[in-house]
N, C-alpha and C. Protein backbone atom coordinates (compact mmCIF):
# COMPACT_ATOMS: atom_id res chain seq x y z
N UNK A 1 -3.58 2.38 5.53
CA UNK A 1 -3.57 2.72 3.64
C UNK A 1 -4.61 3.78 4.10
N UNK A 2 -4.73 5.20 2.92
CA UNK A 2 -5.53 5.68 3.41
C UNK A 2 -6.61 5.16 2.37
N UNK A 3 -7.88 5.41 2.96
CA UNK A 3 -8.70 4.57 2.17
C UNK A 3 -9.33 5.60 1.51
N UNK A 4 -10.20 5.49 0.41
CA UNK A 4 -11.16 6.51 0.04
C UNK A 4 -12.06 6.28 0.38
N UNK A 5 -12.95 7.90 0.56
CA UNK A 5 -13.76 8.24 2.02
C UNK A 5 -15.57 8.13 0.64
N UNK A 6 -16.49 7.37 0.74
CA UNK A 6 -17.89 7.85 -0.21
C UNK A 6 -18.27 9.31 0.34
N UNK A 7 -18.86 10.04 -0.17
CA UNK A 7 -19.46 10.91 -0.47
C UNK A 7 -21.20 11.30 -0.58
N UNK A 8 -21.79 11.70 -0.50
CA UNK A 8 -23.36 12.21 -0.14
C UNK A 8 -23.35 12.80 -2.10
N UNK A 9 -24.33 12.21 -3.02
CA UNK A 9 -25.29 10.91 -2.38
C UNK A 9 -25.01 9.79 -2.46
N UNK A 10 -23.73 9.12 -2.88
CA UNK A 10 -23.46 7.34 -2.51
C UNK A 10 -24.52 6.75 -1.43
N UNK A 11 -25.25 5.74 -2.36
CA UNK A 11 -26.36 4.84 -1.59
C UNK A 11 -25.55 4.19 -0.17
N UNK A 12 -24.40 3.64 -0.39
CA UNK A 12 -23.72 3.06 0.80
C UNK A 12 -23.68 3.18 2.09
N UNK A 13 -23.80 5.35 2.35
CA UNK A 13 -23.97 5.37 3.45
C UNK A 13 -25.30 5.55 3.84
N UNK A 14 -26.22 4.83 3.67
CA UNK A 14 -27.40 4.98 4.19
C UNK A 14 -27.19 3.14 4.34
N UNK A 15 -26.73 2.21 4.37
CA UNK A 15 -26.79 1.36 4.66
C UNK A 15 -26.43 0.87 6.00
N UNK A 16 -27.23 0.45 7.20
CA UNK A 16 -27.13 0.23 8.71
C UNK A 16 -26.24 -0.96 8.96
N UNK A 17 -25.10 -0.57 9.17
CA UNK A 17 -23.82 -1.64 9.46
C UNK A 17 -24.00 -2.47 10.64
N UNK A 18 -23.60 -3.68 10.27
CA UNK A 18 -23.31 -4.92 11.39
C UNK A 18 -22.82 -5.15 11.87
N UNK A 19 -22.59 -5.96 13.30
CA UNK A 19 -22.00 -5.84 14.83
C UNK A 19 -21.15 -6.42 14.19
N UNK A 20 -19.98 -6.42 14.83
CA UNK A 20 -18.59 -6.65 14.68
C UNK A 20 -18.48 -8.00 15.79
N UNK A 21 -17.44 -9.67 15.71
CA UNK A 21 -17.67 -10.52 15.59
C UNK A 21 -16.61 -10.65 16.26
N UNK A 22 -15.71 -10.47 15.14
CA UNK A 22 -14.09 -10.78 15.82
C UNK A 22 -13.61 -9.91 15.69
N UNK A 23 -12.97 -9.77 16.80
CA UNK A 23 -11.16 -9.00 17.33
C UNK A 23 -10.04 -9.18 16.79
N UNK A 24 -10.30 -9.65 15.00
CA UNK A 24 -9.02 -10.04 15.01
C UNK A 24 -7.98 -9.00 14.41
N UNK A 25 -6.47 -9.52 13.18
CA UNK A 25 -5.87 -8.23 12.53
C UNK A 25 -6.37 -7.88 11.42
N UNK A 26 -7.92 -8.09 10.66
CA UNK A 26 -8.37 -7.87 10.04
C UNK A 26 -9.45 -6.59 10.71
N UNK A 27 -9.96 -6.49 11.68
CA UNK A 27 -10.55 -5.40 12.34
C UNK A 27 -9.63 -4.12 12.83
N UNK A 28 -8.27 -4.86 13.17
CA UNK A 28 -7.39 -3.99 13.83
C UNK A 28 -6.63 -3.21 12.58
N UNK A 29 -6.24 -3.66 11.18
CA UNK A 29 -5.97 -3.30 10.09
C UNK A 29 -7.19 -1.96 10.20
N UNK A 30 -8.50 -2.43 9.54
CA UNK A 30 -9.04 -1.23 9.40
C UNK A 30 -9.27 -0.14 10.12
N UNK A 31 -9.35 -0.14 11.32
CA UNK A 31 -8.96 0.98 11.95
C UNK A 31 -8.04 1.51 12.08
N UNK A 32 -6.42 0.75 12.11
CA UNK A 32 -5.47 1.62 11.37
C UNK A 32 -5.60 2.12 10.36
N UNK A 33 -6.31 1.62 9.42
CA UNK A 33 -6.75 2.58 7.64
C UNK A 33 -7.55 3.76 7.94
N UNK A 34 -9.01 3.69 8.88
CA UNK A 34 -9.41 4.98 9.35
C UNK A 34 -8.88 5.62 9.93
N UNK A 35 -7.73 5.53 10.56
CA UNK A 35 -6.91 6.44 11.41
C UNK A 35 -6.01 7.41 10.43
N UNK A 36 -5.58 6.59 9.52
CA UNK A 36 -4.89 7.43 8.46
C UNK A 36 -5.01 8.22 7.53
N UNK A 37 -6.63 7.60 7.15
CA UNK A 37 -7.83 8.57 6.61
C UNK A 37 -8.67 9.93 6.87
N UNK A 38 -8.49 9.25 7.95
CA UNK A 38 -9.62 10.84 8.83
C UNK A 38 -7.98 11.34 9.19
N UNK A 39 -6.73 11.58 9.65
CA UNK A 39 -6.13 12.54 9.58
C UNK A 39 -5.83 13.23 8.20
N UNK A 40 -5.91 12.12 6.85
CA UNK A 40 -5.34 12.87 5.63
C UNK A 40 -6.39 13.41 5.47
N UNK A 41 -7.43 12.76 5.87
CA UNK A 41 -8.85 14.42 5.57
C UNK A 41 -8.98 14.97 6.63
N UNK A 42 -8.32 15.54 7.16
CA UNK A 42 -8.40 16.06 8.14
C UNK A 42 -9.71 16.24 8.73
N UNK A 43 -9.90 14.95 9.21
CA UNK A 43 -11.35 15.08 10.20
C UNK A 43 -11.22 14.67 12.03
N UNK A 44 -12.11 14.83 12.48
CA UNK A 44 -12.49 14.47 13.80
C UNK A 44 -12.40 12.96 14.50
N UNK A 45 -13.61 12.91 12.99
CA UNK A 45 -14.09 11.50 13.72
C UNK A 45 -14.83 11.15 11.80
N UNK A 46 -14.37 9.37 11.83
CA UNK A 46 -14.75 8.45 11.16
C UNK A 46 -15.27 7.19 11.32
N UNK A 47 -16.68 7.22 10.91
CA UNK A 47 -17.06 5.66 10.42
C UNK A 47 -16.67 4.67 9.84
N UNK A 48 -16.95 3.51 9.97
CA UNK A 48 -16.25 2.42 8.63
C UNK A 48 -16.87 2.40 7.76
N UNK A 49 -18.25 2.97 7.65
CA UNK A 49 -19.55 2.65 6.47
C UNK A 49 -18.63 3.83 5.61
N UNK A 50 -18.28 4.53 6.07
CA UNK A 50 -18.04 6.08 5.32
C UNK A 50 -16.38 5.81 4.31
N UNK A 51 -15.49 4.38 4.40
CA UNK A 51 -15.11 4.63 3.91
C UNK A 51 -15.60 2.70 2.94
N UNK A 52 -16.67 2.49 3.45
CA UNK A 52 -16.97 1.07 2.87
C UNK A 52 -17.40 0.17 3.61
N UNK A 53 -17.41 -0.04 4.00
CA UNK A 53 -16.87 -1.35 5.12
C UNK A 53 -18.04 -1.42 6.39
N UNK A 54 -19.22 -1.99 5.62
CA UNK A 54 -20.48 -1.99 6.62
C UNK A 54 -20.36 -2.73 8.15
N UNK A 55 -19.26 -1.97 9.09
CA UNK A 55 -19.30 -2.55 10.14
C UNK A 55 -19.07 -1.47 11.23
N UNK A 56 -19.58 -1.77 13.07
CA UNK A 56 -20.42 -1.30 14.27
C UNK A 56 -19.07 -0.63 14.28
N UNK A 57 -18.04 -0.08 13.85
CA UNK A 57 -16.97 0.83 13.71
C UNK A 57 -16.66 1.72 13.85
N UNK A 58 -16.33 3.07 14.64
CA UNK A 58 -16.33 4.32 14.85
C UNK A 58 -14.80 4.72 15.50
N UNK A 59 -13.86 5.85 15.01
CA UNK A 59 -13.23 6.73 15.77
C UNK A 59 -13.39 7.87 16.12
N UNK A 60 -12.83 8.40 16.62
CA UNK A 60 -12.96 9.53 17.07
C UNK A 60 -11.22 10.32 17.73
N UNK A 61 -11.03 11.51 17.57
CA UNK A 61 -9.83 12.03 17.79
C UNK A 61 -10.20 13.99 17.93
N UNK A 62 -10.43 14.25 19.18
CA UNK A 62 -10.27 15.42 19.38
C UNK A 62 -9.04 16.23 19.26
N UNK A 63 -8.76 17.31 18.94
CA UNK A 63 -7.95 17.55 19.27
C UNK A 63 -7.83 18.85 20.10
N UNK A 64 -6.19 18.04 20.84
CA UNK A 64 -5.69 19.12 22.19
C UNK A 64 -5.92 21.01 22.67
N UNK A 65 -5.68 20.94 23.24
CA UNK A 65 -5.30 22.31 23.19
C UNK A 65 -4.50 23.32 22.51
N UNK A 66 -3.37 22.43 22.01
CA UNK A 66 -2.98 22.84 21.39
C UNK A 66 -3.04 22.55 19.68
N UNK A 67 -4.49 22.19 19.71
CA UNK A 67 -5.13 21.91 18.53
C UNK A 67 -4.13 20.57 17.61
N UNK A 68 -4.39 19.82 18.24
CA UNK A 68 -2.81 18.62 17.70
C UNK A 68 -4.23 18.04 17.77
N UNK A 69 -3.94 16.86 16.83
CA UNK A 69 -4.66 15.49 17.18
C UNK A 69 -3.37 13.66 17.62
N UNK A 70 -3.57 14.13 18.63
CA UNK A 70 -2.16 13.45 19.63
C UNK A 70 -3.09 11.72 18.80
N UNK A 71 -2.07 10.36 18.87
CA UNK A 71 -3.08 9.64 18.48
C UNK A 71 -3.50 8.66 19.55
N UNK A 72 -1.92 9.05 21.39
CA UNK A 72 -2.64 8.78 22.38
C UNK A 72 -4.34 8.94 22.64
N UNK A 73 -4.68 9.81 22.33
CA UNK A 73 -6.20 10.37 22.76
C UNK A 73 -7.32 9.62 21.83
N UNK A 74 -6.98 8.58 20.84
CA UNK A 74 -7.47 8.37 19.51
C UNK A 74 -8.63 7.05 20.54
N UNK A 75 -9.98 7.33 20.57
CA UNK A 75 -10.86 6.69 21.05
C UNK A 75 -11.45 5.30 19.76
N UNK A 76 -11.31 4.33 20.11
CA UNK A 76 -11.81 3.37 18.80
C UNK A 76 -13.26 2.65 19.55
N UNK A 77 -14.33 2.95 18.37
CA UNK A 77 -15.29 2.69 19.43
C UNK A 77 -16.02 1.40 18.21
N UNK A 78 -16.20 0.02 18.86
CA UNK A 78 -17.00 -1.01 18.23
C UNK A 78 -18.13 -1.34 18.88
N UNK A 79 -19.17 -1.89 18.05
CA UNK A 79 -20.65 -1.93 18.57
C UNK A 79 -21.04 -1.07 19.46
N UNK A 80 -20.91 0.58 19.28
CA UNK A 80 -21.49 1.07 20.35
C UNK A 80 -22.84 0.82 20.73
N UNK A 81 -23.21 1.44 22.22
CA UNK A 81 -24.70 1.16 22.89
C UNK A 81 -24.48 1.92 22.78
N UNK A 82 -25.82 3.28 22.97
CA UNK A 82 -25.64 3.98 23.73
C UNK A 82 -26.88 4.03 25.13
N UNK A 83 -26.38 3.78 26.24
CA UNK A 83 -27.28 3.64 27.51
C UNK A 83 -28.07 4.40 28.33
N UNK A 84 -27.37 6.28 27.56
CA UNK A 84 -28.93 7.50 28.42
C UNK A 84 -27.83 8.66 27.54
N UNK A 85 -28.96 9.20 27.54
CA UNK A 85 -28.13 10.90 26.81
C UNK A 85 -29.18 11.56 27.62
N UNK A 86 -28.60 12.70 28.21
CA UNK A 86 -29.40 14.25 28.34
C UNK A 86 -28.83 15.35 28.47
N UNK A 87 -30.09 15.90 27.85
CA UNK A 87 -29.53 17.62 28.14
C UNK A 87 -29.97 17.42 26.83
N UNK A 88 -29.17 19.20 25.99
CA UNK A 88 -29.80 19.83 24.55
C UNK A 88 -28.66 20.46 24.67
N UNK A 89 -28.29 20.13 23.15
CA UNK A 89 -26.49 21.47 22.48
C UNK A 89 -27.22 21.68 20.89
N UNK A 90 -26.69 22.05 20.82
CA UNK A 90 -26.30 22.76 18.95
C UNK A 90 -25.10 22.71 18.78
N UNK A 91 -24.65 22.25 18.05
CA UNK A 91 -23.37 22.19 16.98
C UNK A 91 -23.17 22.53 15.80
N UNK A 92 -22.49 22.80 14.95
CA UNK A 92 -21.96 23.43 13.83
C UNK A 92 -21.48 21.75 13.76
N UNK A 93 -22.49 21.20 12.58
CA UNK A 93 -21.19 20.27 11.79
C UNK A 93 -21.01 20.17 10.52
N UNK A 94 -19.88 19.16 10.55
CA UNK A 94 -19.44 19.38 9.12
C UNK A 94 -19.27 17.61 8.92
N UNK A 95 -18.93 17.80 7.70
CA UNK A 95 -19.00 15.54 6.98
C UNK A 95 -18.09 15.47 6.12
N UNK A 96 -17.56 14.39 6.50
CA UNK A 96 -16.42 14.27 5.65
C UNK A 96 -16.71 13.53 4.31
N UNK A 97 -18.11 13.15 4.83
CA UNK A 97 -18.58 12.35 3.23
C UNK A 97 -19.69 13.06 3.05
N UNK A 98 -20.06 14.44 3.37
CA UNK A 98 -20.40 15.57 2.58
C UNK A 98 -19.87 16.61 2.79
N UNK A 99 -18.48 16.90 1.67
CA UNK A 99 -17.90 18.04 1.69
C UNK A 99 -17.96 19.52 1.76
N UNK A 100 -17.47 20.10 2.48
CA UNK A 100 -17.61 21.81 2.44
C UNK A 100 -19.29 21.88 3.00
N UNK A 101 -20.28 21.25 3.70
CA UNK A 101 -21.33 21.80 4.12
C UNK A 101 -21.14 22.29 5.34
N UNK A 102 -21.82 22.90 6.18
CA UNK A 102 -21.69 23.01 8.16
C UNK A 102 -23.30 23.10 7.86
N UNK A 103 -23.75 22.81 9.30
CA UNK A 103 -24.84 23.40 9.62
C UNK A 103 -25.49 23.24 11.16
N UNK A 104 -25.87 23.97 11.70
CA UNK A 104 -26.19 23.34 12.99
C UNK A 104 -27.39 22.97 13.36
N UNK A 105 -26.44 22.04 14.82
CA UNK A 105 -27.64 20.26 14.27
C UNK A 105 -27.53 20.19 16.33
N UNK A 106 -29.13 20.10 16.45
CA UNK A 106 -29.78 19.45 17.99
C UNK A 106 -29.07 18.11 18.50
N UNK A 107 -28.47 17.87 19.33
CA UNK A 107 -28.22 16.44 19.56
C UNK A 107 -28.25 16.58 21.17
N UNK A 108 -28.06 15.39 21.80
CA UNK A 108 -27.93 15.34 23.28
C UNK A 108 -26.17 16.41 23.37
N UNK A 109 -26.83 16.43 24.67
CA UNK A 109 -25.12 17.82 25.37
C UNK A 109 -24.82 16.41 26.06
N UNK A 110 -24.41 15.14 26.85
CA UNK A 110 -24.21 14.46 27.42
C UNK A 110 -24.69 12.94 26.67
N UNK A 111 -23.46 12.07 27.08
CA UNK A 111 -24.36 10.78 26.47
C UNK A 111 -22.87 9.63 27.30
N UNK A 112 -24.14 8.78 27.68
CA UNK A 112 -22.97 7.44 27.94
C UNK A 112 -23.26 5.67 27.14
N UNK A 113 -21.79 5.72 26.81
CA UNK A 113 -21.74 4.62 25.61
C UNK A 113 -21.50 3.19 25.80
N UNK A 114 -21.78 2.06 25.94
CA UNK A 114 -21.22 1.35 26.46
C UNK A 114 -20.61 0.50 24.84
N UNK A 115 -19.43 0.31 24.69
CA UNK A 115 -18.32 -0.35 23.63
C UNK A 115 -18.01 -0.96 23.89
N UNK A 116 -16.78 -1.69 22.72
CA UNK A 116 -16.03 -2.93 23.68
C UNK A 116 -14.08 -2.09 22.12
N UNK A 117 -13.13 -2.59 22.64
CA UNK A 117 -12.66 -1.61 21.94
C UNK A 117 -11.85 -2.95 21.18
N UNK A 118 -10.51 -2.63 20.72
CA UNK A 118 -10.38 -3.22 19.28
C UNK A 118 -9.36 -4.62 19.65
N UNK A 119 -9.48 -4.41 21.51
CA UNK A 119 -9.27 -6.49 21.77
C UNK A 119 -10.37 -6.75 21.98
N UNK A 120 -11.75 -6.60 22.12
CA UNK A 120 -12.86 -6.87 21.95
C UNK A 120 -13.18 -6.73 24.23
N UNK A 121 -12.08 -5.64 24.57
CA UNK A 121 -12.46 -5.38 25.50
C UNK A 121 -13.91 -4.42 25.87
N UNK A 122 -14.92 -4.70 26.86
CA UNK A 122 -16.18 -3.85 26.93
C UNK A 122 -15.73 -2.77 27.98
N UNK A 123 -16.12 -1.35 27.07
CA UNK A 123 -15.64 -0.38 27.93
C UNK A 123 -16.95 0.44 27.94
N UNK A 124 -16.57 1.30 29.17
CA UNK A 124 -17.77 2.59 29.15
C UNK A 124 -17.47 3.96 28.91
N UNK A 125 -17.91 4.87 28.70
CA UNK A 125 -17.40 5.93 28.42
C UNK A 125 -18.66 7.26 28.54
N UNK A 126 -18.30 8.82 29.56
CA UNK A 126 -19.38 9.32 29.17
C UNK A 126 -18.80 10.38 28.99
N UNK A 127 -19.47 10.87 28.27
CA UNK A 127 -18.88 12.60 27.04
C UNK A 127 -19.68 13.28 27.23
N UNK A 128 -19.14 14.44 27.57
CA UNK A 128 -19.94 15.94 26.66
C UNK A 128 -19.48 16.60 26.05
N UNK A 129 -19.95 18.00 25.63
CA UNK A 129 -19.26 19.06 24.83
C UNK A 129 -19.71 18.07 23.14
N UNK A 130 -18.41 18.67 22.51
CA UNK A 130 -17.46 18.16 21.45
C UNK A 130 -17.43 16.11 21.11
N UNK A 131 -17.06 16.02 22.28
CA UNK A 131 -17.12 14.54 22.12
C UNK A 131 -18.17 13.84 22.18
N UNK A 132 -19.18 14.29 22.84
CA UNK A 132 -20.98 13.69 23.17
C UNK A 132 -21.50 13.74 21.57
N UNK A 133 -21.15 14.95 21.34
CA UNK A 133 -21.30 15.66 20.06
C UNK A 133 -21.31 14.46 18.25
N UNK A 134 -19.94 14.19 18.29
CA UNK A 134 -19.06 13.43 17.74
C UNK A 134 -19.51 11.99 17.69
N UNK A 135 -19.31 11.47 19.17
CA UNK A 135 -19.64 10.48 19.16
C UNK A 135 -21.59 9.98 18.58
N UNK A 136 -21.86 10.94 18.62
CA UNK A 136 -23.22 10.88 17.81
C UNK A 136 -23.47 10.61 16.91
N UNK A 137 -22.67 11.85 16.55
CA UNK A 137 -22.32 12.28 14.88
C UNK A 137 -22.16 10.80 14.03
N UNK A 138 -20.72 10.26 14.71
CA UNK A 138 -20.18 9.05 14.25
C UNK A 138 -21.56 7.38 13.88
N UNK A 139 -22.18 7.41 15.31
CA UNK A 139 -23.11 6.31 15.29
C UNK A 139 -23.94 6.81 14.66
N UNK A 140 -24.38 7.65 14.11
CA UNK A 140 -25.46 8.25 12.93
C UNK A 140 -24.88 7.43 12.15
N UNK A 141 -24.23 7.52 11.26
CA UNK A 141 -23.33 6.77 10.36
C UNK A 141 -23.79 5.17 10.38
N UNK A 142 -23.26 4.18 11.58
CA UNK A 142 -23.30 2.82 11.19
C UNK A 142 -24.83 2.71 11.38
N UNK A 143 -26.04 3.74 11.36
CA UNK A 143 -27.42 3.19 11.25
C UNK A 143 -28.01 3.76 10.38
N UNK A 144 -26.66 4.62 8.82
CA UNK A 144 -27.21 4.41 7.96
C UNK A 144 -27.94 5.67 7.19
N UNK A 145 -27.41 6.72 8.76
CA UNK A 145 -27.48 8.25 8.46
C UNK A 145 -26.62 8.81 8.03
N UNK A 146 -26.99 10.60 7.84
CA UNK A 146 -26.10 11.46 7.91
C UNK A 146 -26.38 12.96 8.29
N UNK A 147 -25.76 13.80 8.98
CA UNK A 147 -26.61 14.94 9.32
C UNK A 147 -27.31 15.26 9.08
N UNK A 148 -27.67 15.38 7.34
CA UNK A 148 -28.60 16.89 6.91
C UNK A 148 -29.49 16.44 7.13
N UNK A 149 -30.30 14.79 7.40
CA UNK A 149 -31.42 14.22 7.66
C UNK A 149 -31.67 15.38 9.38
N UNK A 150 -30.74 15.66 9.77
CA UNK A 150 -30.69 16.81 11.16
C UNK A 150 -31.39 18.31 11.01
N UNK A 151 -31.42 18.99 9.39
CA UNK A 151 -31.25 20.12 9.74
C UNK A 151 -32.23 20.93 9.70
N UNK A 152 -33.86 20.15 9.26
CA UNK A 152 -35.13 20.85 9.26
C UNK A 152 -35.35 20.85 7.70
N UNK A 153 -36.44 20.75 7.23
CA UNK A 153 -36.60 20.78 5.82
C UNK A 153 -36.47 21.59 4.92
N UNK A 154 -36.66 22.89 5.41
CA UNK A 154 -36.20 24.43 4.71
C UNK A 154 -34.54 24.17 4.47
N UNK A 155 -33.85 24.07 5.69
CA UNK A 155 -32.37 24.26 5.23
C UNK A 155 -31.97 22.69 4.48
N UNK A 156 -33.28 21.41 4.78
CA UNK A 156 -32.43 20.39 3.41
C UNK A 156 -32.48 20.66 2.39
N UNK A 157 -33.83 21.39 1.84
CA UNK A 157 -34.57 21.55 0.01
C UNK A 157 -33.12 22.65 -0.42
N UNK A 158 -32.80 23.40 0.26
CA UNK A 158 -31.47 24.36 0.02
C UNK A 158 -30.30 23.66 -0.11
N UNK A 159 -30.04 22.72 0.24
CA UNK A 159 -28.70 21.92 0.82
C UNK A 159 -29.32 20.96 -0.64
N UNK A 160 -30.36 20.46 -0.79
CA UNK A 160 -30.45 19.51 -1.61
C UNK A 160 -30.08 20.04 -3.23
N UNK A 161 -30.52 21.14 -3.29
CA UNK A 161 -30.77 22.02 -4.69
C UNK A 161 -28.58 22.15 -5.01
N UNK A 162 -28.55 23.38 -3.71
CA UNK A 162 -26.99 23.38 -3.87
C UNK A 162 -26.39 22.30 -4.00
N UNK A 163 -26.49 20.98 -3.29
CA UNK A 163 -25.05 20.36 -3.87
C UNK A 163 -25.68 20.04 -4.61
N UNK A 164 -26.47 19.45 -5.37
CA UNK A 164 -26.73 18.58 -6.61
C UNK A 164 -25.95 19.91 -7.68
N UNK A 165 -26.26 21.01 -7.78
CA UNK A 165 -25.65 22.31 -8.44
C UNK A 165 -24.36 22.09 -8.15
N UNK A 166 -23.88 21.44 -7.71
CA UNK A 166 -22.58 21.35 -6.90
C UNK A 166 -22.16 20.30 -7.74
N UNK A 167 -22.51 19.01 -7.71
CA UNK A 167 -22.30 17.78 -8.51
C UNK A 167 -21.78 18.14 -9.95
N UNK A 168 -22.45 18.38 -10.35
CA UNK A 168 -22.20 19.51 -12.00
C UNK A 168 -21.03 19.82 -12.40
N UNK A 169 -20.14 20.02 -11.35
CA UNK A 169 -19.29 21.14 -11.21
C UNK A 169 -17.66 19.92 -10.42
N UNK A 170 -16.59 20.23 -11.04
CA UNK A 170 -15.82 18.91 -10.18
C UNK A 170 -15.68 19.73 -8.56
N UNK A 171 -15.71 19.00 -6.89
CA UNK A 171 -15.89 18.85 -6.33
C UNK A 171 -14.59 18.92 -5.51
N UNK A 172 -13.73 19.84 -4.32
CA UNK A 172 -12.23 19.57 -4.24
C UNK A 172 -12.48 18.47 -3.71
N UNK A 173 -11.50 17.66 -2.91
CA UNK A 173 -11.48 16.74 -1.86
C UNK A 173 -11.35 16.41 -0.49
N UNK A 174 -10.56 17.76 -0.69
CA UNK A 174 -9.86 18.62 1.26
C UNK A 174 -8.72 17.85 1.43
N UNK A 175 -7.55 17.04 0.13
CA UNK A 175 -6.70 17.01 0.06
C UNK A 175 -5.84 17.90 -0.38
N UNK A 176 -4.65 18.09 0.05
CA UNK A 176 -3.54 19.09 -0.61
C UNK A 176 -2.87 18.53 -1.39
N UNK A 177 -2.76 19.34 -2.90
CA UNK A 177 -1.96 18.45 -3.37
C UNK A 177 -0.01 18.60 -2.67
N UNK A 178 0.18 19.70 -2.36
CA UNK A 178 1.15 19.32 -1.65
C UNK A 178 1.43 20.26 -0.59
N UNK A 179 2.82 20.84 0.20
CA UNK A 179 2.65 21.21 1.01
C UNK A 179 2.65 22.49 1.04
N UNK A 180 3.05 23.10 -0.44
CA UNK A 180 3.58 24.62 -0.65
C UNK A 180 2.32 25.13 -0.97
N UNK A 181 1.36 24.59 -1.72
CA UNK A 181 0.13 24.99 -2.71
C UNK A 181 -1.17 24.83 -1.62
N UNK A 182 -1.64 25.89 -1.59
CA UNK A 182 -3.43 25.73 -0.78
C UNK A 182 -4.47 24.89 -2.05
N UNK A 183 -4.12 24.55 -2.81
CA UNK A 183 -5.69 24.07 -3.95
C UNK A 183 -5.37 23.13 -3.76
N UNK A 184 -6.68 22.42 -3.71
CA UNK A 184 -7.13 21.00 -3.78
C UNK A 184 -6.89 20.52 -4.68
N UNK A 185 -7.65 19.50 -4.44
CA UNK A 185 -7.59 18.11 -6.21
C UNK A 185 -9.13 17.58 -6.60
N UNK A 186 -9.26 17.61 -7.08
CA UNK A 186 -11.01 16.62 -7.59
C UNK A 186 -10.76 15.74 -7.28
């Protein structure tokens, strides 16, 4: 089921998410709903808090060389713990909860993360490049933070001013009305 994505400045986005303790059908349904919502919104990652569920769950699906998001490559991360971060990288980030805004953000180039899969089996992943960036971005959501908090004081002031001005006008959701139209709905 496709869920509504919370958008800035919704206060729920700033809540620290709770650990998952039950790896049950309810969790599996949440993960499936998150995937459908992320794909429908044309995102590459989504944290559960972005759909109003304050649990430490995130998903990432980086497009392959053909720019296709193959579900077989879906990464489901529950209760992530970053064991190591190295290097430095600057990537232009966007966020489904801050639609239409993109900015350069500095993060670690390489990460090692321990987490659980949907069945409660412990996993470890080492990642660099876009996957490392996405893991850090989505994990920030679980801690109640948005990428706009990392963009520097002057850029943040400009963002806040422009975003508040934009709140007075209808904003596109990113969802297409139909296949033939490139218009967006409010």
